[in-house]
């Protein structure tokens, strides 16, 4: 029987915080040369696209648990972000086409 290496789990590369916000490096680093990180507003990630959650290696069996835990956290963080994002666009919607609100993701389906 021939055994060859295979990819069965991709450990991704997007760095996230504990609330699944995707982080980006800021040009100005600290004194140790470590790049400072900032949140990319409205961008959340979970699962195989993320990196660093397990360190340099993932323990067997953690994949499904990671997807459930961080998927739930990402969903909650995204849901709490929506009112923030929609309130900043309310002023723009007042002057916009009234039909534009129909396509808005924050409009309840019963109002459509």
N, C-alpha and C. Protein backbone atom coordinates (compact mmCIF):
# COMPACT_ATOMS: atom_id res chain seq x y z
N UNK A 1 0.84 -1.17 0.00
CA UNK A 1 0.00 0.00 0.00
C UNK A 1 0.89 1.24 0.00
N UNK A 2 0.64 2.11 -0.96
CA UNK A 2 1.40 3.35 -1.05
C UNK A 2 0.70 4.43 -0.24
N UNK A 3 1.46 5.15 0.57
CA UNK A 3 0.91 6.24 1.38
C UNK A 3 1.54 7.53 0.90
N UNK A 4 0.70 8.50 0.58
CA UNK A 4 1.19 9.80 0.12
C UNK A 4 0.56 10.90 0.95
N UNK A 5 1.24 12.01 1.06
CA UNK A 5 0.66 13.14 1.80
C UNK A 5 -0.57 13.69 1.08
N UNK A 6 -1.50 14.20 1.85
CA UNK A 6 -2.71 14.81 1.27
C UNK A 6 -3.16 15.96 2.15
N UNK A 7 -3.84 16.89 1.54
CA UNK A 7 -4.40 18.00 2.31
C UNK A 7 -5.82 17.62 2.70
N UNK A 8 -6.09 17.55 3.98
CA UNK A 8 -7.43 17.24 4.42
C UNK A 8 -8.05 18.39 5.21
N UNK A 9 -7.24 19.36 5.58
CA UNK A 9 -7.73 20.51 6.34
C UNK A 9 -6.82 21.68 6.04
N UNK A 10 -7.39 22.77 5.58
CA UNK A 10 -6.59 23.96 5.30
C UNK A 10 -6.69 24.88 6.49
N UNK A 11 -5.57 25.29 7.02
CA UNK A 11 -5.57 26.13 8.22
C UNK A 11 -5.66 27.61 7.88
N UNK A 12 -5.97 27.93 6.64
CA UNK A 12 -6.28 29.30 6.24
C UNK A 12 -5.18 30.30 6.50
N UNK A 13 -5.56 31.54 6.59
CA UNK A 13 -4.57 32.57 6.77
C UNK A 13 -5.11 33.87 7.30
N UNK A 14 -6.45 34.05 7.36
CA UNK A 14 -6.99 35.29 7.89
C UNK A 14 -6.88 35.27 9.41
N UNK A 15 -6.31 36.32 9.95
CA UNK A 15 -6.19 36.41 11.40
C UNK A 15 -7.46 37.06 11.94
N UNK A 16 -8.02 36.47 12.98
CA UNK A 16 -9.24 36.98 13.59
C UNK A 16 -9.02 37.24 15.07
N UNK A 17 -9.91 38.07 15.63
CA UNK A 17 -9.90 38.26 17.09
C UNK A 17 -10.92 37.31 17.72
N UNK A 18 -11.14 37.44 19.01
CA UNK A 18 -12.04 36.52 19.71
C UNK A 18 -13.50 36.65 19.27
N UNK A 19 -13.85 37.76 18.62
CA UNK A 19 -15.21 37.95 18.13
C UNK A 19 -15.30 37.74 16.62
N UNK A 20 -14.29 37.12 16.05
CA UNK A 20 -14.19 36.73 14.63
C UNK A 20 -14.06 37.89 13.66
N UNK A 21 -13.76 39.10 14.15
CA UNK A 21 -13.46 40.20 13.24
C UNK A 21 -12.14 39.87 12.53
N UNK A 22 -12.08 40.09 11.23
CA UNK A 22 -10.83 39.88 10.51
C UNK A 22 -9.92 41.06 10.79
N UNK A 23 -8.65 40.75 11.07
CA UNK A 23 -7.67 41.78 11.41
C UNK A 23 -6.72 42.03 10.24
N UNK A 24 -6.23 43.26 10.17
CA UNK A 24 -5.20 43.58 9.18
C UNK A 24 -4.05 44.28 9.89
N UNK A 25 -2.87 44.15 9.32
CA UNK A 25 -1.69 44.78 9.89
C UNK A 25 -1.72 46.27 9.57
N UNK A 26 -1.29 47.05 10.54
CA UNK A 26 -1.16 48.49 10.36
C UNK A 26 0.32 48.75 10.11
N UNK A 27 0.62 49.71 9.26
CA UNK A 27 2.02 49.96 8.87
C UNK A 27 2.94 50.21 10.05
N UNK A 28 2.49 50.96 11.03
CA UNK A 28 3.34 51.27 12.17
C UNK A 28 3.30 50.12 13.17
N UNK A 29 4.42 49.46 13.36
CA UNK A 29 4.51 48.37 14.31
C UNK A 29 4.96 48.85 15.66
N UNK A 30 5.11 47.94 16.60
CA UNK A 30 5.60 48.31 17.92
C UNK A 30 7.13 48.27 17.93
N UNK A 31 7.71 48.50 19.08
CA UNK A 31 9.17 48.56 19.20
C UNK A 31 9.85 47.24 18.87
N UNK A 32 9.16 46.13 19.07
CA UNK A 32 9.74 44.82 18.79
C UNK A 32 9.63 44.46 17.31
N UNK A 33 9.04 45.36 16.51
CA UNK A 33 8.90 45.08 15.09
C UNK A 33 7.63 44.32 14.75
N UNK A 34 6.82 44.04 15.75
CA UNK A 34 5.55 43.33 15.54
C UNK A 34 4.53 44.32 14.99
N UNK A 35 3.89 43.98 13.88
CA UNK A 35 2.91 44.87 13.27
C UNK A 35 1.68 44.98 14.15
N UNK A 36 1.21 46.20 14.32
CA UNK A 36 -0.04 46.41 15.05
C UNK A 36 -1.19 45.92 14.17
N UNK A 37 -2.27 45.52 14.78
CA UNK A 37 -3.42 44.98 14.06
C UNK A 37 -4.64 45.86 14.30
N UNK A 38 -5.51 45.95 13.29
CA UNK A 38 -6.77 46.65 13.46
C UNK A 38 -7.88 45.83 12.80
N UNK A 39 -9.08 46.03 13.28
CA UNK A 39 -10.25 45.31 12.78
C UNK A 39 -10.66 45.89 11.43
N UNK A 40 -11.04 45.01 10.50
CA UNK A 40 -11.65 45.45 9.24
C UNK A 40 -13.16 45.46 9.51
N UNK A 41 -13.77 46.65 9.59
CA UNK A 41 -15.19 46.73 9.96
C UNK A 41 -16.09 45.94 9.01
N UNK A 42 -16.97 45.13 9.59
CA UNK A 42 -17.96 44.40 8.82
C UNK A 42 -17.48 43.11 8.19
N UNK A 43 -16.21 42.73 8.42
CA UNK A 43 -15.69 41.49 7.84
C UNK A 43 -15.44 40.48 8.96
N UNK A 44 -16.12 39.35 8.89
CA UNK A 44 -16.04 38.31 9.90
C UNK A 44 -15.63 37.01 9.23
N UNK A 45 -14.94 36.14 9.95
CA UNK A 45 -14.48 34.87 9.36
C UNK A 45 -14.50 33.77 10.41
N UNK A 46 -14.70 32.54 9.93
CA UNK A 46 -14.67 31.36 10.79
C UNK A 46 -14.34 30.15 9.93
N UNK A 47 -13.87 29.09 10.56
CA UNK A 47 -13.60 27.85 9.84
C UNK A 47 -12.23 27.82 9.18
N UNK A 48 -12.17 27.13 8.05
CA UNK A 48 -10.88 26.87 7.42
C UNK A 48 -10.21 28.10 6.82
N UNK A 49 -10.95 29.17 6.63
CA UNK A 49 -10.36 30.38 6.06
C UNK A 49 -9.50 31.13 7.10
N UNK A 50 -9.70 30.83 8.36
CA UNK A 50 -8.95 31.51 9.42
C UNK A 50 -7.65 30.78 9.73
N UNK A 51 -6.71 31.51 10.23
CA UNK A 51 -5.44 30.93 10.63
C UNK A 51 -5.06 31.42 12.01
N UNK A 52 -4.25 30.66 12.70
CA UNK A 52 -3.76 31.09 14.00
C UNK A 52 -4.59 30.69 15.19
N UNK A 53 -5.79 30.17 14.94
CA UNK A 53 -6.66 29.77 16.05
C UNK A 53 -6.03 28.61 16.81
N UNK A 54 -5.39 27.70 16.09
CA UNK A 54 -4.80 26.51 16.70
C UNK A 54 -3.29 26.62 16.88
N UNK A 55 -2.72 27.76 16.60
CA UNK A 55 -1.28 27.88 16.65
C UNK A 55 -0.68 27.28 15.40
N UNK A 56 0.43 26.58 15.52
CA UNK A 56 1.12 26.03 14.35
C UNK A 56 0.54 24.70 13.88
N UNK A 57 -0.29 24.07 14.71
CA UNK A 57 -0.83 22.77 14.33
C UNK A 57 -2.20 22.59 14.97
N UNK A 58 -3.07 21.89 14.27
CA UNK A 58 -4.42 21.63 14.77
C UNK A 58 -4.47 20.23 15.35
N UNK A 59 -5.07 20.10 16.52
CA UNK A 59 -5.27 18.78 17.10
C UNK A 59 -6.40 18.09 16.38
N UNK A 60 -6.26 16.81 16.13
CA UNK A 60 -7.31 16.05 15.47
C UNK A 60 -8.63 16.17 16.22
N UNK A 61 -9.71 16.35 15.49
CA UNK A 61 -11.02 16.46 16.11
C UNK A 61 -11.44 17.88 16.43
N UNK A 62 -10.54 18.83 16.35
CA UNK A 62 -10.90 20.21 16.68
C UNK A 62 -11.57 20.95 15.54
N UNK A 63 -11.50 20.42 14.34
CA UNK A 63 -12.03 21.10 13.17
C UNK A 63 -13.51 21.40 13.28
N UNK A 64 -14.32 20.40 13.56
CA UNK A 64 -15.76 20.60 13.66
C UNK A 64 -16.11 21.52 14.82
N UNK A 65 -15.46 21.33 15.95
CA UNK A 65 -15.72 22.17 17.11
C UNK A 65 -15.38 23.62 16.80
N UNK A 66 -14.27 23.85 16.11
CA UNK A 66 -13.88 25.21 15.74
C UNK A 66 -14.94 25.86 14.85
N UNK A 67 -15.43 25.12 13.86
CA UNK A 67 -16.45 25.66 12.95
C UNK A 67 -17.73 26.02 13.70
N UNK A 68 -18.13 25.18 14.64
CA UNK A 68 -19.35 25.45 15.41
C UNK A 68 -19.17 26.65 16.32
N UNK A 69 -18.10 26.66 17.09
CA UNK A 69 -17.87 27.74 18.05
C UNK A 69 -17.65 29.07 17.35
N UNK A 70 -16.71 29.12 16.42
CA UNK A 70 -16.39 30.39 15.77
C UNK A 70 -17.45 30.77 14.75
N UNK A 71 -18.14 29.82 14.15
CA UNK A 71 -19.26 30.13 13.27
C UNK A 71 -20.38 30.83 14.03
N UNK A 72 -20.67 30.33 15.21
CA UNK A 72 -21.70 30.95 16.06
C UNK A 72 -21.26 32.35 16.49
N UNK A 73 -20.01 32.48 16.88
CA UNK A 73 -19.50 33.80 17.29
C UNK A 73 -19.53 34.78 16.12
N UNK A 74 -19.18 34.30 14.91
CA UNK A 74 -19.20 35.16 13.72
C UNK A 74 -20.62 35.60 13.42
N UNK A 75 -21.58 34.68 13.51
CA UNK A 75 -22.97 35.03 13.27
C UNK A 75 -23.49 36.07 14.24
N UNK A 76 -23.18 35.90 15.50
CA UNK A 76 -23.61 36.88 16.51
C UNK A 76 -22.95 38.24 16.29
N UNK A 77 -21.65 38.23 15.99
CA UNK A 77 -20.95 39.50 15.77
C UNK A 77 -21.48 40.21 14.52
N UNK A 78 -21.75 39.45 13.46
CA UNK A 78 -22.30 40.05 12.23
C UNK A 78 -23.70 40.59 12.49
N UNK A 79 -24.51 39.86 13.24
CA UNK A 79 -25.87 40.32 13.55
C UNK A 79 -25.84 41.61 14.36
N UNK A 80 -24.90 41.73 15.29
CA UNK A 80 -24.82 42.96 16.08
C UNK A 80 -24.22 44.10 15.27
N UNK A 81 -23.50 43.79 14.20
CA UNK A 81 -22.91 44.82 13.35
C UNK A 81 -23.96 45.45 12.44
N UNK A 82 -24.97 44.70 12.03
CA UNK A 82 -25.96 45.19 11.06
C UNK A 82 -26.66 46.46 11.54
N UNK A 83 -27.18 46.56 12.76
CA UNK A 83 -27.81 47.82 13.18
C UNK A 83 -26.84 49.00 13.12
N UNK A 84 -25.58 48.77 13.44
CA UNK A 84 -24.58 49.82 13.38
C UNK A 84 -24.40 50.29 11.94
N UNK A 85 -24.28 49.35 11.02
CA UNK A 85 -24.07 49.70 9.63
C UNK A 85 -25.31 50.37 9.04
N UNK A 86 -26.50 49.88 9.37
CA UNK A 86 -27.71 50.45 8.79
C UNK A 86 -28.01 51.84 9.35
N UNK A 87 -27.66 52.10 10.61
CA UNK A 87 -27.92 53.42 11.18
C UNK A 87 -27.03 54.48 10.55
N UNK A 88 -25.85 54.09 10.09
CA UNK A 88 -24.98 55.07 9.44
C UNK A 88 -25.44 55.39 8.03
N UNK A 89 -26.29 54.54 7.44
CA UNK A 89 -26.79 54.79 6.09
C UNK A 89 -28.21 55.34 6.10
N UNK A 90 -28.83 55.49 7.28
CA UNK A 90 -30.21 55.99 7.35
C UNK A 90 -30.34 57.37 6.72
N UNK A 91 -29.38 58.24 6.96
CA UNK A 91 -29.44 59.59 6.40
C UNK A 91 -29.37 59.55 4.89
N UNK A 92 -28.60 58.64 4.33
CA UNK A 92 -28.49 58.51 2.88
C UNK A 92 -29.79 57.96 2.30
N UNK A 93 -30.47 57.05 2.99
CA UNK A 93 -31.70 56.45 2.50
C UNK A 93 -32.84 57.45 2.46
N UNK A 94 -32.80 58.51 3.29
CA UNK A 94 -33.87 59.50 3.28
C UNK A 94 -33.98 60.20 1.94
N UNK A 95 -32.86 60.39 1.27
CA UNK A 95 -32.87 61.08 -0.02
C UNK A 95 -32.83 60.11 -1.19
N UNK A 96 -32.70 58.85 -0.92
CA UNK A 96 -32.60 57.85 -1.98
C UNK A 96 -33.98 57.44 -2.47
N UNK A 97 -34.01 56.66 -3.52
CA UNK A 97 -35.23 56.11 -4.09
C UNK A 97 -35.97 55.28 -3.03
N UNK A 98 -37.26 55.49 -2.81
CA UNK A 98 -37.99 54.72 -1.79
C UNK A 98 -37.98 53.21 -2.05
N UNK A 99 -37.88 52.80 -3.31
CA UNK A 99 -37.84 51.37 -3.63
C UNK A 99 -36.52 50.73 -3.20
N UNK A 100 -35.49 51.52 -2.95
CA UNK A 100 -34.20 50.98 -2.54
C UNK A 100 -34.31 50.28 -1.19
N UNK A 101 -35.24 50.73 -0.34
CA UNK A 101 -35.41 50.11 0.98
C UNK A 101 -35.94 48.68 0.86
N UNK A 102 -36.62 48.37 -0.23
CA UNK A 102 -37.16 47.03 -0.42
C UNK A 102 -36.03 46.02 -0.53
N UNK A 103 -34.93 46.42 -1.18
CA UNK A 103 -33.80 45.52 -1.37
C UNK A 103 -32.86 45.52 -0.19
N UNK A 104 -33.12 46.35 0.82
CA UNK A 104 -32.23 46.46 1.97
C UNK A 104 -32.25 45.18 2.78
N UNK A 105 -31.07 44.65 3.17
CA UNK A 105 -31.04 43.43 3.98
C UNK A 105 -31.60 43.63 5.38
N UNK A 106 -31.78 44.87 5.81
CA UNK A 106 -32.32 45.11 7.16
C UNK A 106 -33.82 45.25 7.16
N UNK A 107 -34.46 45.24 5.98
CA UNK A 107 -35.90 45.35 5.90
C UNK A 107 -36.52 43.97 6.20
N UNK A 108 -37.43 43.88 7.18
CA UNK A 108 -38.06 42.59 7.48
C UNK A 108 -38.84 42.10 6.24
N UNK A 109 -38.85 40.79 6.04
CA UNK A 109 -39.53 40.24 4.87
C UNK A 109 -41.02 40.52 4.89
N UNK A 110 -41.62 40.72 6.07
CA UNK A 110 -43.04 41.01 6.15
C UNK A 110 -43.36 42.41 5.63
N UNK A 111 -42.36 43.29 5.58
CA UNK A 111 -42.57 44.66 5.11
C UNK A 111 -42.42 44.77 3.61
N UNK A 112 -41.92 43.72 2.95
CA UNK A 112 -41.68 43.77 1.51
C UNK A 112 -42.94 43.47 0.75
